[in-house]
C-alpha atoms as a PDB file:
ATOM      1  CA  MET A   1     -12.672  34.482  45.397  1.00  0.00           C
ATOM      2  CA  VAL A   2      -9.076  34.538  44.456  1.00  0.00           C
ATOM      3  CA  MET A   3      -7.559  31.348  43.212  1.00  0.00           C
ATOM      4  CA  MET A   4      -3.971  30.547  43.971  1.00  0.00           C
ATOM      5  CA  ARG A   5      -1.948  28.691  41.745  1.00  0.00           C
ATOM      6  CA  ARG A   6       0.988  26.742  43.055  1.00  0.00           C
ATOM      7  CA  MET A   7       3.963  27.339  41.191  1.00  0.00           C
ATOM      8  CA  VAL A   8       6.033  24.069  40.107  1.00  0.00           C
ATOM      9  CA  LYS A   9       9.541  24.379  40.248  1.00  0.00           C
ATOM     10  CA  PRO A  10      11.226  23.098  36.945  1.00  0.00           C
ATOM     11  CA  GLN A  11      13.564  20.514  37.296  1.00  0.00           C
ATOM     12  CA  TYR A  12      16.835  20.868  35.529  1.00  0.00           C
ATOM     13  CA  PHE A  13      19.751  18.448  34.218  1.00  0.00           C
ATOM     14  CA  HIS A  14      23.338  19.587  33.129  1.00  0.00           C
ATOM     15  CA  PHE A  15      23.865  19.305  29.711  1.00  0.00           C
ATOM     16  CA  GLY A  16      27.541  19.772  29.223  1.00  0.00           C
ATOM     17  CA  MET A  17      27.530  23.310  30.302  1.00  0.00           C
ATOM     18  CA  GLU A  18      23.701  24.041  29.963  1.00  0.00           C
ATOM     19  CA  LEU A  19      20.995  23.109  32.215  1.00  0.00           C
ATOM     20  CA  LEU A  20      18.050  21.703  30.077  1.00  0.00           C
ATOM     21  CA  ASP A  21      14.904  21.142  31.367  1.00  0.00           C
ATOM     22  CA  ARG A  22      13.050  17.947  32.360  1.00  0.00           C
ATOM     23  CA  SER A  23      10.902  17.226  28.784  1.00  0.00           C
ATOM     24  CA  VAL A  24      14.173  18.521  26.750  1.00  0.00           C
ATOM     25  CA  PHE A  25      16.214  15.768  28.819  1.00  0.00           C
ATOM     26  CA  HIS A  26      13.644  13.358  28.259  1.00  0.00           C
ATOM     27  CA  ALA A  27      13.433  13.717  24.229  1.00  0.00           C
ATOM     28  CA  TYR A  28      17.538  13.336  24.372  1.00  0.00           C
ATOM     29  CA  CYS A  29      17.541  10.582  26.286  1.00  0.00           C
ATOM     30  CA  GLN A  30      14.711   8.701  23.900  1.00  0.00           C
ATOM     31  CA  LEU A  31      16.685   9.699  20.827  1.00  0.00           C
ATOM     32  CA  THR A  32      20.219   8.860  22.506  1.00  0.00           C
ATOM     33  CA  TYR A  33      18.436   4.999  23.278  1.00  0.00           C
ATOM     34  CA  LEU A  34      17.187   4.587  19.658  1.00  0.00           C
ATOM     35  CA  GLY A  35      20.721   5.385  18.434  1.00  0.00           C
ATOM     36  CA  ILE A  36      19.954   8.916  17.126  1.00  0.00           C
ATOM     37  CA  THR A  37      22.631  11.053  18.175  1.00  0.00           C
ATOM     38  CA  PRO A  38      20.928  14.890  18.298  1.00  0.00           C
ATOM     39  CA  ALA A  39      22.845  17.740  18.268  1.00  0.00           C
ATOM     40  CA  ARG A  40      24.671  18.749  21.225  1.00  0.00           C
ATOM     41  CA  SER A  41      23.099  22.416  21.879  1.00  0.00           C
ATOM     42  CA  THR A  42      20.034  22.746  23.840  1.00  0.00           C
ATOM     43  CA  ARG A  43      18.766  25.301  20.745  1.00  0.00           C
ATOM     44  CA  ASN A  44      18.435  22.344  18.580  1.00  0.00           C
ATOM     45  CA  LEU A  45      17.145  20.215  21.107  1.00  0.00           C
ATOM     46  CA  HIS A  46      14.282  22.277  22.118  1.00  0.00           C
ATOM     47  CA  MET A  47      13.724  22.684  17.913  1.00  0.00           C
ATOM     48  CA  LEU A  48      13.552  18.780  18.149  1.00  0.00           C
ATOM     49  CA  VAL A  49      11.196  18.353  21.099  1.00  0.00           C
ATOM     50  CA  GLN A  50       8.842  21.486  18.948  1.00  0.00           C
ATOM     51  CA  THR A  51       8.863  19.320  15.926  1.00  0.00           C
ATOM     52  CA  GLN A  52       8.119  16.389  17.886  1.00  0.00           C
ATOM     53  CA  LEU A  53       5.018  17.866  19.120  1.00  0.00           C
ATOM     54  CA  ILE A  54       3.820  19.335  15.984  1.00  0.00           C
ATOM     55  CA  LEU A  55       4.354  16.139  14.596  1.00  0.00           C
ATOM     56  CA  PHE A  56       2.001  14.162  17.145  1.00  0.00           C
ATOM     57  CA  ILE A  57      -0.266  16.976  17.112  1.00  0.00           C
ATOM     58  CA  ILE A  58      -0.868  16.701  13.216  1.00  0.00           C
ATOM     59  CA  SER A  59      -1.078  12.653  13.483  1.00  0.00           C
ATOM     60  CA  VAL A  60      -3.828  12.895  15.990  1.00  0.00           C
ATOM     61  CA  SER A  61      -5.839  15.284  13.946  1.00  0.00           C
ATOM     62  CA  LEU A  62      -5.286  13.029  11.189  1.00  0.00           C
ATOM     63  CA  ALA A  63      -6.127  10.260  12.978  1.00  0.00           C
ATOM     64  CA  VAL A  64      -9.310  12.091  14.056  1.00  0.00           C
ATOM     65  CA  THR A  65     -10.489  13.319  11.121  1.00  0.00           C
ATOM     66  CA  ASN A  66      -9.746  10.318   8.430  1.00  0.00           C
ATOM     67  CA  SER A  67     -12.821   8.717   7.541  1.00  0.00           C
ATOM     68  CA  TRP A  68     -11.731   6.484   5.055  1.00  0.00           C
ATOM     69  CA  GLU A  69     -12.890   3.185   4.634  1.00  0.00           C
ATOM     70  CA  ASP A  70     -12.116  -0.425   2.308  1.00  0.00           C
ATOM     71  CA  ASN A  71     -13.481  -0.433  -0.366  1.00  0.00           C
ATOM     72  CA  CYS A  72     -12.191  -3.314  -2.324  1.00  0.00           C
ATOM     73  CA  GLN A  73     -14.975  -5.044  -4.440  1.00  0.00           C
ATOM     74  CA  THR A  74     -14.861  -7.914  -7.218  1.00  0.00           C
ATOM     75  CA  HIS A  75     -16.769  -6.882 -10.799  1.00  0.00           C
ATOM     76  CA  LEU A  76     -17.786  -8.573 -13.699  1.00  0.00           C
ATOM     77  CA  THR A  77     -16.106  -8.222 -17.101  1.00  0.00           C
ATOM     78  CA  ASP A  78     -15.879  -9.519 -20.528  1.00  0.00           C
ATOM     79  CA  VAL A  79     -12.427 -10.165 -22.047  1.00  0.00           C
ATOM     80  CA  GLU A  80     -11.400 -11.442 -25.087  1.00  0.00           C
ATOM     81  CA  ILE A  81      -8.308 -14.230 -25.301  1.00  0.00           C
ATOM     82  CA  VAL A  82      -6.131 -15.152 -28.060  1.00  0.00           C
ATOM     83  CA  LYS A  83      -4.162 -17.811 -28.814  1.00  0.00           C
ATOM     84  CA  ASP A  84      -1.788 -18.524 -31.762  1.00  0.00           C
ATOM     85  CA  LEU A  85      -1.802 -22.293 -32.494  1.00  0.00           C
ATOM     86  CA  SER A  86       0.156 -24.153 -35.178  1.00  0.00           C
ATOM     87  CA  ILE A  87      -2.692 -27.100 -36.825  1.00  0.00           C
ATOM     88  CA  GLU A  88      -2.231 -29.301 -40.004  1.00  0.00           C
ATOM     89  CA  LEU A  89      -4.691 -27.993 -42.481  1.00  0.00           C
ATOM     90  CA  ASN A  90      -5.216 -29.247 -45.819  1.00  0.00           C
ATOM     91  CA  GLY A  91      -1.834 -31.281 -45.354  1.00  0.00           C
ATOM     92  CA  GLN A  92       0.046 -28.216 -44.553  1.00  0.00           C
ATOM     93  CA  GLN A  93       1.586 -27.041 -40.992  1.00  0.00           C
ATOM     94  CA  VAL A  94      -0.198 -23.498 -40.588  1.00  0.00           C
ATOM     95  CA  MET A  95      -0.414 -20.789 -37.517  1.00  0.00           C
ATOM     96  CA  VAL A  96      -4.004 -20.269 -37.090  1.00  0.00           C
ATOM     97  CA  ASN A  97      -5.015 -17.150 -34.515  1.00  0.00           C
ATOM     98  CA  CYS A  98      -7.927 -18.383 -31.954  1.00  0.00           C
ATOM     99  CA  ILE A  99     -10.215 -16.190 -30.090  1.00  0.00           C
ATOM    100  CA  GLY A 100     -12.290 -16.883 -27.120  1.00  0.00           C
ATOM    101  CA  ARG A 101     -14.529 -14.720 -24.880  1.00  0.00           C
ATOM    102  CA  ILE A 102     -15.275 -14.679 -21.300  1.00  0.00           C
ATOM    103  CA  ARG A 103     -16.362 -13.087 -18.313  1.00  0.00           C
ATOM    104  CA  VAL A 104     -13.978 -12.745 -15.658  1.00  0.00           C
ATOM    105  CA  HIS A 105     -13.846 -10.873 -12.007  1.00  0.00           C
ATOM    106  CA  LYS A 106     -11.767  -7.812 -11.621  1.00  0.00           C
ATOM    107  CA  CYS A 107     -10.612  -6.145  -8.656  1.00  0.00           C
ATOM    108  CA  GLU A 108     -11.558  -2.552  -7.845  1.00  0.00           C
ATOM    109  CA  GLY A 109     -11.911   0.224  -5.390  1.00  0.00           C
ATOM    110  CA  THR A 110     -10.003   1.831  -2.616  1.00  0.00           C
ATOM    111  CA  CYS A 111      -8.236   0.524   0.650  1.00  0.00           C
ATOM    112  CA  GLU A 112      -7.090   3.177   3.609  1.00  0.00           C
ATOM    113  CA  SER A 113      -3.418   3.644   3.562  1.00  0.00           C
ATOM    114  CA  LYS A 114      -1.715   5.973   5.952  1.00  0.00           C
ATOM    115  CA  VAL A 115       1.606   8.059   6.742  1.00  0.00           C
ATOM    116  CA  THR A 116       2.360   9.289  10.457  1.00  0.00           C
ATOM    117  CA  PRO A 117       5.218  10.912  11.889  1.00  0.00           C
ATOM    118  CA  SER A 118       7.620   8.583  13.669  1.00  0.00           C
ATOM    119  CA  VAL A 119      11.006   8.948  14.954  1.00  0.00           C
ATOM    120  CA  LEU A 120      11.640   4.781  15.033  1.00  0.00           C
ATOM    121  CA  HIS A 121      11.271   4.890  11.116  1.00  0.00           C
ATOM    122  CA  HIS A 122      13.361   6.701   8.147  1.00  0.00           C
ATOM    123  CA  PRO A 123      12.766   9.528   6.888  1.00  0.00           C
ATOM    124  CA  GLY A 124      10.635  10.384  10.049  1.00  0.00           C
ATOM    125  CA  PHE A 125       7.372   8.760   8.714  1.00  0.00           C
ATOM    126  CA  ASN A 126       5.953   5.373   9.137  1.00  0.00           C
ATOM    127  CA  LYS A 127       4.247   4.273   5.907  1.00  0.00           C
ATOM    128  CA  GLU A 128       1.015   2.004   6.053  1.00  0.00           C
ATOM    129  CA  CYS A 129       0.119   1.432   2.320  1.00  0.00           C
ATOM    130  CA  ARG A 130      -2.761  -0.969   1.513  1.00  0.00           C
ATOM    131  CA  CYS A 131      -3.835  -1.841  -2.268  1.00  0.00           C
ATOM    132  CA  CYS A 132      -7.227  -3.674  -3.623  1.00  0.00           C
ATOM    133  CA  ARG A 133      -5.961  -6.952  -4.877  1.00  0.00           C
ATOM    134  CA  GLU A 134      -6.587 -10.367  -5.565  1.00  0.00           C
ATOM    135  CA  SER A 135      -7.491 -12.680  -2.541  1.00  0.00           C
ATOM    136  CA  ARG A 136      -8.363 -16.127  -4.154  1.00  0.00           C
ATOM    137  CA  LEU A 137      -7.579 -17.372  -7.804  1.00  0.00           C
ATOM    138  CA  VAL A 138      -9.055 -20.245  -9.471  1.00  0.00           C
ATOM    139  CA  ARG A 139      -7.944 -22.027 -12.847  1.00  0.00           C
ATOM    140  CA  ARG A 140     -10.104 -21.678 -15.430  1.00  0.00           C
ATOM    141  CA  ARG A 141     -10.893 -23.590 -18.694  1.00  0.00           C
ATOM    142  CA  VAL A 142     -11.904 -21.159 -22.116  1.00  0.00           C
ATOM    143  CA  VAL A 143     -13.219 -22.750 -25.336  1.00  0.00           C
ATOM    144  CA  LEU A 144     -11.391 -20.748 -28.053  1.00  0.00           C
ATOM    145  CA  ASP A 145     -14.194 -21.037 -30.437  1.00  0.00           C
ATOM    146  CA  GLU A 146     -13.418 -18.903 -33.103  1.00  0.00           C
ATOM    147  CA  CYS A 147     -10.082 -19.638 -35.371  1.00  0.00           C
ATOM    148  CA  PHE A 148      -8.836 -17.893 -38.517  1.00  0.00           C
ATOM    149  CA  PHE A 149      -5.940 -18.418 -40.911  1.00  0.00           C
ATOM    150  CA  GLU A 150      -5.418 -15.758 -43.109  1.00  0.00           C
ATOM    151  CA  GLY A 151      -8.728 -13.747 -42.662  1.00  0.00           C
ATOM    152  CA  GLU A 152     -10.829 -16.776 -43.126  1.00  0.00           C
ATOM    153  CA  ARG A 153     -12.798 -18.612 -40.510  1.00  0.00           C
ATOM    154  CA  VAL A 154     -11.495 -22.433 -39.435  1.00  0.00           C
ATOM    155  CA  PRO A 155     -14.360 -24.571 -39.264  1.00  0.00           C
ATOM    156  CA  ARG A 156     -14.742 -27.307 -36.565  1.00  0.00           C
ATOM    157  CA  LEU A 157     -11.784 -26.307 -34.461  1.00  0.00           C
ATOM    158  CA  SER A 158     -12.353 -25.356 -30.936  1.00  0.00           C
ATOM    159  CA  PRO A 159      -9.102 -25.611 -28.870  1.00  0.00           C
ATOM    160  CA  THR A 160      -9.183 -24.294 -25.093  1.00  0.00           C
ATOM    161  CA  ALA A 161      -7.083 -22.396 -23.036  1.00  0.00           C
ATOM    162  CA  ASP A 162      -5.739 -22.535 -19.418  1.00  0.00           C
ATOM    163  CA  ILE A 163      -6.111 -18.999 -17.655  1.00  0.00           C
ATOM    164  CA  GLU A 164      -6.067 -18.111 -14.278  1.00  0.00           C
ATOM    165  CA  GLY A 165      -9.004 -15.702 -12.772  1.00  0.00           C
ATOM    166  CA  LEU A 166      -9.755 -14.302  -9.498  1.00  0.00           C
ATOM    167  CA  GLU A 167     -12.755 -15.599  -7.268  1.00  0.00           C
ATOM    168  CA  GLY A 168     -12.527 -12.661  -4.599  1.00  0.00           C
ATOM    169  CA  CYS A 169     -10.598  -9.199  -3.956  1.00  0.00           C
ATOM    170  CA  ALA A 170      -9.205  -7.528  -0.480  1.00  0.00           C
ATOM    171  CA  CYS A 171      -7.211  -5.205   0.847  1.00  0.00           C
ATOM    172  CA  PHE A 172      -3.496  -6.376   1.305  1.00  0.00           C
ATOM    173  CA  GLN A 173       0.056  -4.739   2.326  1.00  0.00           C
ATOM    174  CA  CYS A 174       1.047  -3.174  -0.924  1.00  0.00           C
ATOM    175  CA  ALA A 175       4.612  -4.540  -2.276  1.00  0.00           C
ATOM    176  CA  ASN A 176       7.588  -2.129  -2.134  1.00  0.00           C
END
């Protein structure tokens, strides 16, 4: 059995003194509509269409193969809070160094980010960057239970310090 293919006559459009096929003319019109003035030669327009096609194929293949998932988690860690205080000790105003230990949360992990080709964004790519960071903050009071003056521990002194701690983590749009 012989298969017959019907030949479709391509449509051409006048472009200055040259004729353009429909796909190249369509790409030219899209760029002009977006305010981009492509070079006025068919060779450059053909290269532009080929570049757009290659970028589209790359973005589709990346979308299919990209299997990243958000993995932003809250973890516990121990920290020391250090604060210098001015107190009265033995009738004199002195500076003491106070230390308190506390267990706090930290954010750790990865978030999906991507860069895709785009004729709408300069310089030809749309960047969507996301970061693992704090989602909820709380104020906490820390007791500074060890204070020192000139290397000696100061007894019966337990000042406090207020800190901002995080309670949760999530993926958010990165700031530029």
